[in-house]
Amino acid sequence: MTRLPTALLSLALLPAVSFAQAPAAPAPQVQFPGQYAEPPADRKYPAWPKGCARFEGEERTACLDVVASDFGGLYRYAAANAALAAPKAGEVRVVFFGDSITDNWSKSGYGGFFPGKPYVNRGIGGQATAQMLLRFRADVIELQPKAVVILAGTNDIAGNAGPVSVDQVQDNMASMAELARAHAIEVVLASILPVSDDKKDANGLALTRTRQRPTGTIQALNRWLAEYAAKNGHTYLDYFSATADASSLFRPELNDDGLHPNARGYAVMAPLAEKAIAQAMGSRR
């Protein structure tokens, strides 16, 4: 496969910063058992190593131990996977697999996660592709979907699981696609979304997202995703073009923190995802 330069992603070694995530809502939007699950109530630590930087001393060590004990995050959806019924005859089950941008989609206040569709959300906020690859069998293959929509990579660029090369990100994405194909699951590879620097955190400090997630790196990985999808018979889902402004930054009305879509952002993304799923399923005929 065509690769980008093998140098480390340029911003992965920046000092850790706090991860500003869209506020959690009181209850997730779940239409059927096993569709989605929030982290257990007693889970106080984040799912990615860099998130432990918010703690000090022994608590930071404890956080890292917890992440290391289940690096893939299999704890998150174990009960939901057990509760999810087998697909019905003729059901077009689709798993949306990713990080916080997928995870948030099922939270109250984000417009609803494909009402009336047998779609399953398996997003975990903060995860990088190496973590996602570890849980791909449990959270995708064993759920017997007809298709999987994979949205990942932004947290690799930010170094959430440590420094990583572009080659490694590409390999992880390719491995997930190959696993899906081996189990007759159609693959939709979604572009990484843009970021922007025009928002502030709760303390009024500027959120400079492009510092950890340079636009050029995002665009380069998106070009690779589009090329890989075309060469391997997968479907490429271009969220970037629909959510970026003329400067290739996240359109201000579609996000509240420079990184995560808000309800208006998901309203733009949803029909694009539906179109990509239809295209992927059409290729089965």
Protein backbone atom coordinates (compact mmCIF):
# COMPACT_ATOMS: atom_id res chain seq x y z
CA MET A 1 0.00 0.00 0.00
CA THR A 2 1.11 3.58 -0.55
CA ARG A 3 2.42 5.07 2.68
CA LEU A 4 3.02 8.50 4.07
CA PRO A 5 6.49 9.33 5.45
CA THR A 6 7.43 7.17 8.41
CA ALA A 7 8.45 10.02 10.69
CA LEU A 8 6.62 10.26 13.99
CA LEU A 9 3.42 12.23 13.86
CA SER A 10 4.74 15.69 14.51
CA LEU A 11 2.71 16.70 17.51
CA ALA A 12 2.54 13.42 19.40
CA LEU A 13 5.31 14.43 21.81
CA LEU A 14 3.78 17.69 22.97
CA PRO A 15 3.12 18.00 26.71
CA ALA A 16 -0.17 16.46 27.75
CA VAL A 17 -3.15 18.75 27.96
CA SER A 18 -6.52 18.13 29.53
CA PHE A 19 -9.02 16.43 27.23
CA ALA A 20 -12.08 18.62 26.80
CA GLN A 21 -14.96 16.34 25.89
CA ALA A 22 -18.54 17.25 25.19
CA PRO A 23 -20.51 17.22 28.46
CA ALA A 24 -22.10 13.94 29.38
CA ALA A 25 -25.89 13.83 29.57
CA PRO A 26 -27.98 12.19 32.30
CA ALA A 27 -29.05 9.27 30.13
CA PRO A 28 -27.88 7.90 26.78
CA GLN A 29 -30.21 7.41 23.84
CA VAL A 30 -30.69 3.64 23.64
CA GLN A 31 -33.41 2.17 21.42
CA PHE A 32 -32.82 -1.53 22.12
CA PRO A 33 -30.78 -3.63 24.59
CA GLY A 34 -27.10 -3.65 23.80
CA GLN A 35 -27.13 -0.82 21.29
CA TYR A 36 -24.87 1.36 23.44
CA ALA A 37 -23.45 1.65 26.95
CA GLU A 38 -21.83 4.46 28.86
CA PRO A 39 -18.76 3.73 31.01
CA PRO A 40 -19.56 2.04 34.33
CA ALA A 41 -20.52 4.56 37.01
CA ASP A 42 -17.56 3.56 39.18
CA ARG A 43 -15.05 4.03 36.36
CA LYS A 44 -13.17 7.19 37.40
CA TYR A 45 -10.22 6.91 35.04
CA PRO A 46 -10.07 7.66 31.29
CA ALA A 47 -9.65 4.93 28.70
CA TRP A 48 -6.40 6.23 27.19
CA PRO A 49 -2.92 6.53 28.76
CA LYS A 50 -2.37 10.23 28.12
CA GLY A 51 -5.57 11.00 30.01
CA CYS A 52 -3.84 9.89 33.20
CA ALA A 53 -1.74 13.08 33.07
CA ARG A 54 -4.59 14.89 34.82
CA PHE A 55 -3.75 13.00 38.03
CA GLU A 56 -0.73 13.26 40.32
CA GLY A 57 1.44 10.83 42.28
CA GLU A 58 -0.07 7.51 43.31
CA GLU A 59 -3.36 8.30 41.61
CA ARG A 60 -1.60 8.73 38.27
CA THR A 61 0.09 5.38 38.79
CA ALA A 62 -3.27 3.82 39.63
CA CYS A 63 -4.80 5.34 36.49
CA LEU A 64 -2.03 3.94 34.29
CA ASP A 65 -2.41 0.53 35.93
CA VAL A 66 -6.12 0.51 35.16
CA VAL A 67 -5.57 1.49 31.52
CA ALA A 68 -2.78 -1.08 31.12
CA SER A 69 -4.88 -3.87 32.65
CA ASP A 70 -7.40 -3.53 29.80
CA PHE A 71 -5.66 -1.46 27.15
CA GLY A 72 -8.27 -2.28 24.54
CA GLY A 73 -11.16 -1.22 26.74
CA LEU A 74 -13.06 -4.51 26.53
CA TYR A 75 -14.72 -3.69 29.85
CA ARG A 76 -16.82 -0.94 28.27
CA TYR A 77 -19.20 -2.94 26.09
CA ALA A 78 -18.93 -6.45 27.55
CA ALA A 79 -22.40 -6.34 29.13
CA ALA A 80 -23.93 -4.57 26.11
CA ASN A 81 -22.50 -7.20 23.77
CA ALA A 82 -24.02 -9.93 25.91
CA ALA A 83 -27.39 -8.14 25.90
CA LEU A 84 -27.47 -7.56 22.14
CA ALA A 85 -29.67 -10.06 20.37
CA ALA A 86 -28.53 -11.82 17.22
CA PRO A 87 -29.49 -10.02 14.01
CA LYS A 88 -32.95 -10.81 12.71
CA ALA A 89 -33.42 -12.25 9.25
CA GLY A 90 -32.94 -9.49 6.71
CA GLU A 91 -31.67 -7.01 9.31
CA VAL A 92 -28.95 -4.67 8.09
CA ARG A 93 -27.01 -4.33 11.32
CA VAL A 94 -24.24 -1.74 11.18
CA VAL A 95 -21.64 -1.15 13.88
CA PHE A 96 -20.28 2.37 14.25
CA PHE A 97 -16.81 1.83 15.64
CA GLY A 98 -14.60 4.63 16.87
CA ASP A 99 -13.55 7.11 19.52
CA SER A 100 -15.40 9.96 21.26
CA ILE A 101 -16.92 11.29 18.05
CA THR A 102 -18.74 7.97 17.70
CA ASP A 103 -19.25 7.60 21.46
CA ASN A 104 -20.97 10.99 21.84
CA TRP A 105 -23.43 10.28 19.05
CA SER A 106 -25.64 8.22 21.40
CA LYS A 107 -25.59 10.74 24.23
CA SER A 108 -28.62 12.88 24.94
CA GLY A 109 -28.46 16.28 23.30
CA TYR A 110 -26.65 15.28 20.13
CA GLY A 111 -29.65 14.82 17.88
CA GLY A 112 -30.20 11.08 18.17
CA PHE A 113 -28.27 8.06 16.91
CA PHE A 114 -30.11 6.98 13.73
CA PRO A 115 -33.65 6.60 15.16
CA GLY A 116 -35.38 3.44 14.05
CA LYS A 117 -32.26 1.85 12.58
CA PRO A 118 -30.65 -1.37 13.90
CA TYR A 119 -27.34 0.42 14.22
CA VAL A 120 -24.96 -0.27 17.10
CA ASN A 121 -22.63 2.28 18.73
CA ARG A 122 -19.25 0.99 19.88
CA GLY A 123 -17.32 4.20 20.40
CA ILE A 124 -14.91 4.79 23.29
CA GLY A 125 -13.79 8.35 23.94
CA GLY A 126 -10.06 9.00 23.75
CA GLN A 127 -9.03 5.73 22.16
CA ALA A 128 -6.32 5.37 19.52
CA THR A 129 -6.34 2.82 16.70
CA ALA A 130 -4.08 0.37 18.56
CA GLN A 131 -6.67 0.14 21.33
CA MET A 132 -9.52 -0.18 18.87
CA LEU A 133 -7.80 -3.01 17.03
CA LEU A 134 -7.62 -5.02 20.27
CA ARG A 135 -11.39 -4.88 20.74
CA PHE A 136 -12.40 -5.21 17.10
CA ARG A 137 -13.38 -8.87 17.38
CA ALA A 138 -15.49 -8.45 20.51
CA ASP A 139 -17.12 -5.15 19.56
CA VAL A 140 -17.55 -5.68 15.82
CA ILE A 141 -17.04 -9.18 14.42
CA GLU A 142 -18.92 -11.08 17.12
CA LEU A 143 -21.93 -8.76 16.74
CA GLN A 144 -22.44 -10.12 13.18
CA PRO A 145 -23.02 -6.82 11.39
CA LYS A 146 -23.46 -6.47 7.66
CA ALA A 147 -21.21 -3.41 7.71
CA VAL A 148 -18.89 -1.45 9.98
CA VAL A 149 -18.24 2.30 9.89
CA ILE A 150 -14.74 2.95 11.24
CA LEU A 151 -13.93 6.48 12.38
CA ALA A 152 -10.50 6.72 13.99
CA GLY A 153 -7.09 8.35 13.88
CA THR A 154 -7.50 11.79 15.44
CA ASN A 155 -6.32 10.49 18.82
CA ASP A 156 -3.29 8.84 17.26
CA ILE A 157 -2.28 12.20 15.84
CA ALA A 158 -2.68 13.71 19.32
CA GLY A 159 -0.57 10.96 20.89
CA ASN A 160 -3.29 9.74 23.26
CA ALA A 161 -1.69 6.30 23.55
CA GLY A 162 1.88 7.56 23.15
CA PRO A 163 4.03 8.46 20.13
CA VAL A 164 3.03 6.58 17.00
CA SER A 165 4.22 6.61 13.43
CA VAL A 166 1.98 7.24 10.44
CA ASP A 167 2.80 3.73 9.22
CA GLN A 168 1.45 2.26 12.45
CA VAL A 169 -1.82 4.16 12.17
CA GLN A 170 -2.24 2.97 8.59
CA ASP A 171 -1.40 -0.61 9.58
CA ASN A 172 -3.98 -0.56 12.38
CA MET A 173 -6.67 0.74 10.06
CA ALA A 174 -5.76 -1.79 7.38
CA SER A 175 -5.83 -4.63 9.92
CA MET A 176 -9.33 -3.70 11.03
CA ALA A 177 -10.50 -3.57 7.42
CA GLU A 178 -8.91 -6.93 6.66
CA LEU A 179 -10.49 -8.56 9.71
CA ALA A 180 -13.89 -7.26 8.67
CA ARG A 181 -13.49 -8.51 5.11
CA ALA A 182 -12.45 -11.94 6.37
CA HIS A 183 -15.82 -12.14 8.11
CA ALA A 184 -17.90 -10.84 5.18
CA ILE A 185 -18.46 -7.44 6.81
CA GLU A 186 -18.57 -4.47 4.46
CA VAL A 187 -16.16 -1.70 5.42
CA VAL A 188 -16.82 2.02 5.48
CA LEU A 189 -13.69 4.04 6.27
CA ALA A 190 -14.60 7.49 7.52
CA SER A 191 -12.36 10.49 7.17
CA ILE A 192 -10.93 12.17 10.25
CA LEU A 193 -12.88 15.34 11.02
CA PRO A 194 -11.25 18.77 10.97
CA VAL A 195 -10.41 20.69 14.14
CA SER A 196 -10.33 24.40 14.92
CA ASP A 197 -8.92 26.89 17.42
CA ASP A 198 -11.85 29.30 17.78
CA LYS A 199 -13.42 27.85 20.95
CA LYS A 200 -12.62 28.25 24.66
CA ASP A 201 -12.76 25.85 27.59
CA ALA A 202 -14.83 26.27 30.77
CA ASN A 203 -12.13 28.56 32.20
CA GLY A 204 -12.15 30.85 29.19
CA LEU A 205 -8.83 29.58 27.83
CA ALA A 206 -8.39 29.10 24.10
CA LEU A 207 -8.60 25.51 22.84
CA THR A 208 -5.80 25.32 20.29
CA ARG A 209 -6.72 22.00 18.73
CA THR A 210 -4.47 22.37 15.68
CA ARG A 211 -1.44 22.27 17.95
CA GLN A 212 -1.95 18.58 18.71
CA ARG A 213 -3.90 17.74 15.57
CA PRO A 214 -2.31 19.65 12.66
CA THR A 215 -4.66 20.11 9.73
CA GLY A 216 -1.99 18.95 7.28
CA THR A 217 -1.58 15.63 9.11
CA ILE A 218 -5.34 15.08 9.20
CA GLN A 219 -5.61 15.76 5.47
CA ALA A 220 -2.68 13.46 4.66
CA LEU A 221 -4.22 10.56 6.58
CA ASN A 222 -7.56 11.22 4.91
CA ARG A 223 -5.92 11.01 1.49
CA TRP A 224 -4.45 7.66 2.47
CA LEU A 225 -7.82 6.40 3.74
CA ALA A 226 -9.51 7.39 0.47
CA GLU A 227 -6.78 5.73 -1.58
CA TYR A 228 -6.76 2.57 0.53
CA ALA A 229 -10.54 2.28 0.34
CA ALA A 230 -10.51 2.68 -3.44
CA LYS A 231 -7.76 0.09 -3.93
CA ASN A 232 -9.38 -2.49 -1.67
CA GLY A 233 -13.04 -2.20 -2.59
CA HIS A 234 -14.14 -0.43 0.57
CA THR A 235 -16.30 2.68 0.85
CA TYR A 236 -14.77 6.02 1.80
CA LEU A 237 -16.96 8.32 3.90
CA ASP A 238 -15.87 11.94 3.55
CA TYR A 239 -16.96 13.79 6.68
CA PHE A 240 -14.07 16.24 6.36
CA SER A 241 -15.25 18.08 3.26
CA ALA A 242 -18.75 18.54 4.67
CA THR A 243 -17.63 19.85 8.06
CA ALA A 244 -14.60 21.98 7.11
CA ASP A 245 -14.67 25.65 6.17
CA ALA A 246 -12.69 27.33 3.39
CA SER A 247 -9.58 27.20 5.60
CA SER A 248 -9.99 23.45 6.23
CA LEU A 249 -10.95 24.11 9.86
CA PHE A 250 -14.01 22.75 11.68
CA ARG A 251 -16.99 24.91 10.78
CA PRO A 252 -17.79 26.91 13.94
CA GLU A 253 -21.51 26.20 13.95
CA LEU A 254 -20.95 22.43 13.85
CA ASN A 255 -18.91 22.12 17.07
CA ASP A 256 -18.64 23.59 20.55
CA ASP A 257 -15.05 22.75 21.46
CA GLY A 258 -13.05 22.69 18.21
CA LEU A 259 -12.94 18.90 18.17
CA HIS A 260 -16.29 17.18 18.70
CA PRO A 261 -19.41 17.66 16.58
CA ASN A 262 -22.48 19.11 18.25
CA ALA A 263 -26.06 18.18 17.28
CA ARG A 264 -25.80 20.29 14.13
CA GLY A 265 -22.56 18.54 13.25
CA TYR A 266 -24.10 15.10 13.60
CA ALA A 267 -27.07 16.28 11.52
CA VAL A 268 -24.59 16.92 8.71
CA MET A 269 -22.79 13.62 9.25
CA ALA A 270 -25.79 11.28 9.53
CA PRO A 271 -27.04 11.42 5.91
CA LEU A 272 -23.47 11.06 4.65
CA ALA A 273 -23.08 7.92 6.76
CA GLU A 274 -26.39 6.54 5.48
CA LYS A 275 -25.31 7.14 1.89
CA ALA A 276 -21.97 5.41 2.49
CA ILE A 277 -23.67 2.43 4.13
CA ALA A 278 -26.05 2.11 1.19
CA GLN A 279 -23.08 2.24 -1.19
CA ALA A 280 -21.23 -0.43 0.79
CA MET A 281 -24.25 -2.69 0.92
CA GLY A 282 -24.87 -2.15 -2.79
CA SER A 283 -21.45 -3.62 -3.48
CA ARG A 284 -22.66 -6.96 -2.04
CA ARG A 285 -25.09 -7.47 -4.90
